[in-house]
Protein backbone atom coordinates (compact mmCIF):
# COMPACT_ATOMS: atom_id res chain seq x y z
CA MET A 1 9.79 -11.08 23.33
CA PHE A 2 7.51 -10.96 20.35
CA ASN A 3 5.90 -7.93 21.53
CA ALA A 4 9.20 -6.24 21.65
CA PHE A 5 9.83 -7.26 18.02
CA LEU A 6 6.44 -5.85 16.95
CA THR A 7 7.10 -2.47 18.58
CA VAL A 8 10.62 -2.29 17.10
CA SER A 9 9.20 -3.19 13.70
CA GLN A 10 6.57 -0.61 13.88
CA VAL A 11 8.93 2.26 15.04
CA LEU A 12 11.54 1.28 12.45
CA LEU A 13 8.94 1.12 9.71
CA ALA A 14 7.43 4.42 10.81
CA VAL A 15 10.86 6.19 10.72
CA ILE A 16 11.85 4.43 7.27
CA TYR A 17 8.60 5.69 5.58
CA THR A 18 8.32 9.27 7.20
CA THR A 19 12.02 9.99 6.37
CA ALA A 20 11.38 8.43 2.68
CA GLY A 21 8.55 10.66 2.13
CA LEU A 22 10.04 13.87 3.66
CA SER A 23 13.47 13.24 1.62
CA LYS A 24 11.39 13.36 -1.67
CA PHE A 25 10.14 16.79 -0.46
CA ILE A 26 13.10 18.24 1.21
CA HIS A 27 16.45 17.32 -0.61
CA GLY A 28 19.27 16.71 1.81
CA PHE A 29 16.90 15.22 4.35
CA PRO A 30 18.37 12.30 6.39
CA VAL A 31 16.91 9.10 4.91
CA ILE A 32 17.13 5.49 5.52
CA ILE A 33 15.93 4.20 2.24
CA GLY A 34 15.40 5.98 -1.07
CA PRO A 35 15.16 6.84 -3.83
CA VAL A 36 15.16 10.56 -3.07
CA TRP A 37 15.39 11.25 -6.80
CA LEU A 38 12.06 9.47 -7.58
CA ILE A 39 10.17 12.70 -8.43
CA ASP A 40 12.76 13.89 -10.62
CA GLU A 41 13.06 10.72 -12.62
CA LEU A 42 9.28 10.28 -12.87
CA SER A 43 8.88 13.80 -14.07
CA LYS A 44 10.99 13.01 -17.31
CA TYR A 45 7.97 10.81 -18.25
CA GLY A 46 5.34 13.27 -17.19
CA LEU A 47 4.73 11.46 -14.10
CA GLY A 48 5.97 13.86 -11.50
CA LEU A 49 2.48 14.18 -9.94
CA PHE A 50 2.67 10.29 -9.38
CA GLY A 51 6.06 10.71 -7.49
CA TYR A 52 4.39 13.40 -5.21
CA LEU A 53 1.64 10.98 -4.47
CA ILE A 54 4.17 8.26 -3.44
CA ALA A 55 5.88 10.67 -1.32
CA VAL A 56 2.65 11.66 0.54
CA ALA A 57 1.62 8.16 0.85
CA GLN A 58 5.02 7.20 2.50
CA LEU A 59 4.76 10.19 4.82
CA VAL A 60 1.36 9.59 5.78
CA THR A 61 1.89 5.95 6.37
CA GLY A 62 5.03 6.63 8.22
CA ILE A 63 3.30 9.13 10.70
CA VAL A 64 0.26 6.70 11.25
CA LEU A 65 2.73 3.80 12.17
CA PHE A 66 4.08 6.17 14.93
CA PHE A 67 0.93 5.72 16.99
CA PRO A 68 0.47 2.28 18.62
CA ALA A 69 -3.43 2.68 18.44
CA LEU A 70 -3.09 3.04 14.60
CA ARG A 71 -0.83 -0.02 14.05
CA LEU A 72 -3.30 -2.01 11.97
CA ILE A 73 -4.19 0.85 9.86
CA GLY A 74 -0.57 1.75 9.15
CA ALA A 75 0.28 -1.75 8.37
CA LEU A 76 -2.70 -2.19 6.04
CA LEU A 77 -1.54 1.08 4.21
CA LEU A 78 2.08 -0.13 4.11
CA LEU A 79 1.38 -3.58 2.73
CA PRO A 80 0.55 -2.78 -1.00
CA MET A 81 3.38 -0.17 -0.96
CA GLN A 82 6.05 -2.59 0.45
CA LEU A 83 4.72 -5.32 -1.81
CA CYS A 84 5.20 -3.06 -4.86
CA ILE A 85 8.63 -1.77 -3.78
CA THR A 86 9.84 -5.59 -3.21
CA VAL A 87 8.54 -6.52 -6.71
CA ILE A 88 10.21 -3.58 -8.36
CA THR A 89 13.50 -4.26 -6.69
CA ILE A 90 13.35 -7.90 -7.76
CA SER A 91 12.27 -6.97 -11.26
CA LEU A 92 15.05 -4.47 -11.62
CA GLY A 93 17.70 -7.23 -10.71
CA TRP A 94 19.01 -5.20 -7.69
CA SER A 95 21.35 -7.27 -5.61
CA GLY A 96 20.78 -6.78 -1.99
CA THR A 97 17.93 -4.56 -1.88
CA PRO A 98 15.36 -7.16 -2.48
CA TYR A 99 16.31 -8.97 0.62
CA ILE A 100 16.08 -6.01 2.67
CA ASN A 101 12.72 -5.29 1.34
CA MET A 102 11.55 -8.78 2.05
CA VAL A 103 12.46 -8.43 5.70
CA LEU A 104 10.54 -5.28 5.89
CA LEU A 105 7.63 -6.98 4.17
CA CYS A 106 7.67 -9.64 6.79
CA MET A 107 7.69 -6.98 9.58
CA VAL A 108 4.54 -5.55 7.99
CA LEU A 109 3.02 -8.94 7.86
CA ALA A 110 3.94 -9.67 11.33
CA LEU A 111 2.06 -6.37 12.53
CA ILE A 112 -1.05 -7.46 10.51
CA VAL A 113 -0.97 -10.96 11.83
CA ASP A 114 -0.71 -9.64 15.37
CA GLU A 115 -3.82 -7.54 14.86
CA ARG A 116 -5.70 -10.35 13.17
CA VAL A 117 -8.37 -10.22 15.90
CA LYS A 118 -9.04 -6.68 15.39
CA LEU A 119 -9.13 -7.08 11.52
CA ARG A 120 -11.32 -10.00 11.82
CA SER A 121 -13.78 -8.04 13.92
CA LEU A 122 -13.71 -5.09 11.47
CA ILE A 123 -14.40 -7.50 8.54
CA GLY A 124 -16.80 -9.56 10.34
CA SER A 125 -18.80 -6.68 11.72
CA SER A 126 -20.02 -5.58 8.41
CA SER A 127 -23.82 -6.12 8.91
CA ALA A 128 -24.47 -3.77 5.99
CA PHE A 129 -23.67 -6.59 3.54
CA SER A 130 -26.02 -8.99 5.23
CA ASP A 131 -28.83 -6.29 5.58
CA HIS A 132 -28.41 -5.44 1.70
CA LYS A 133 -27.19 -8.57 0.15
CA THR A 134 -29.38 -8.56 -2.86
CA LEU A 135 -28.53 -4.83 -3.51
CA TYR A 136 -24.75 -5.82 -3.26
CA ILE A 137 -25.02 -8.58 -5.57
CA ALA A 138 -27.24 -6.68 -8.21
CA ALA A 139 -24.92 -3.80 -8.01
CA PHE A 140 -21.80 -6.08 -8.53
CA CYS A 141 -23.32 -7.79 -11.52
CA ALA A 142 -24.64 -4.59 -13.08
CA PHE A 143 -21.14 -2.82 -12.87
CA TRP A 144 -19.34 -5.96 -14.22
CA GLY A 145 -21.88 -6.35 -16.98
CA LEU A 146 -21.48 -2.57 -17.91
CA ALA A 147 -17.72 -2.90 -17.86
CA ALA A 148 -18.03 -5.95 -20.23
CA PHE A 149 -20.37 -4.04 -22.43
CA MET A 150 -18.05 -1.19 -22.57
CA LYS A 151 -15.10 -3.39 -23.59
CA TYR A 152 -16.71 -5.74 -25.87
CA GLY A 153 -20.04 -3.82 -26.87
CA ALA A 154 -18.50 -2.64 -30.25
CA LEU A 155 -17.87 -6.23 -31.12
CA LEU A 156 -21.40 -7.27 -30.42
CA MET A 157 -22.71 -4.27 -32.40
CA SER A 158 -20.57 -4.74 -35.51
CA GLY A 159 -21.52 -8.34 -35.68
CA ALA A 160 -25.10 -7.84 -35.88
């Protein structure tokens, strides 16, 4: 029963996001969720390219989700996108849309939880970190130190 739910969730999310991406490029394309006017609206603020990026991300994620072997990759691609969409609809005070988006978010999370063994093996198999732990830690500290210096370095120089 749960496997049937996961398969239906995967296909539904694939259809939703493939059509959402295509509808932003092809006006009049049948779509389940929108907004199809996103690129036009963002273009008013000089963010049209960002709208195209969103459309491409939706299209690619939707296509990836059509393939069962790529379920984990598609779900991981979709997680931040679905989180952002859910937060935006809540922030804008839309009436029913946040509830629909929360259901879609739960579907994405269910796909990820189902693939947790594969995800754990991907994360746990990273021997590159253990082989070069000192280099990773040094690079981490160096980049954060550089970022802090770029941000607050002028304050240090002016105080001297």
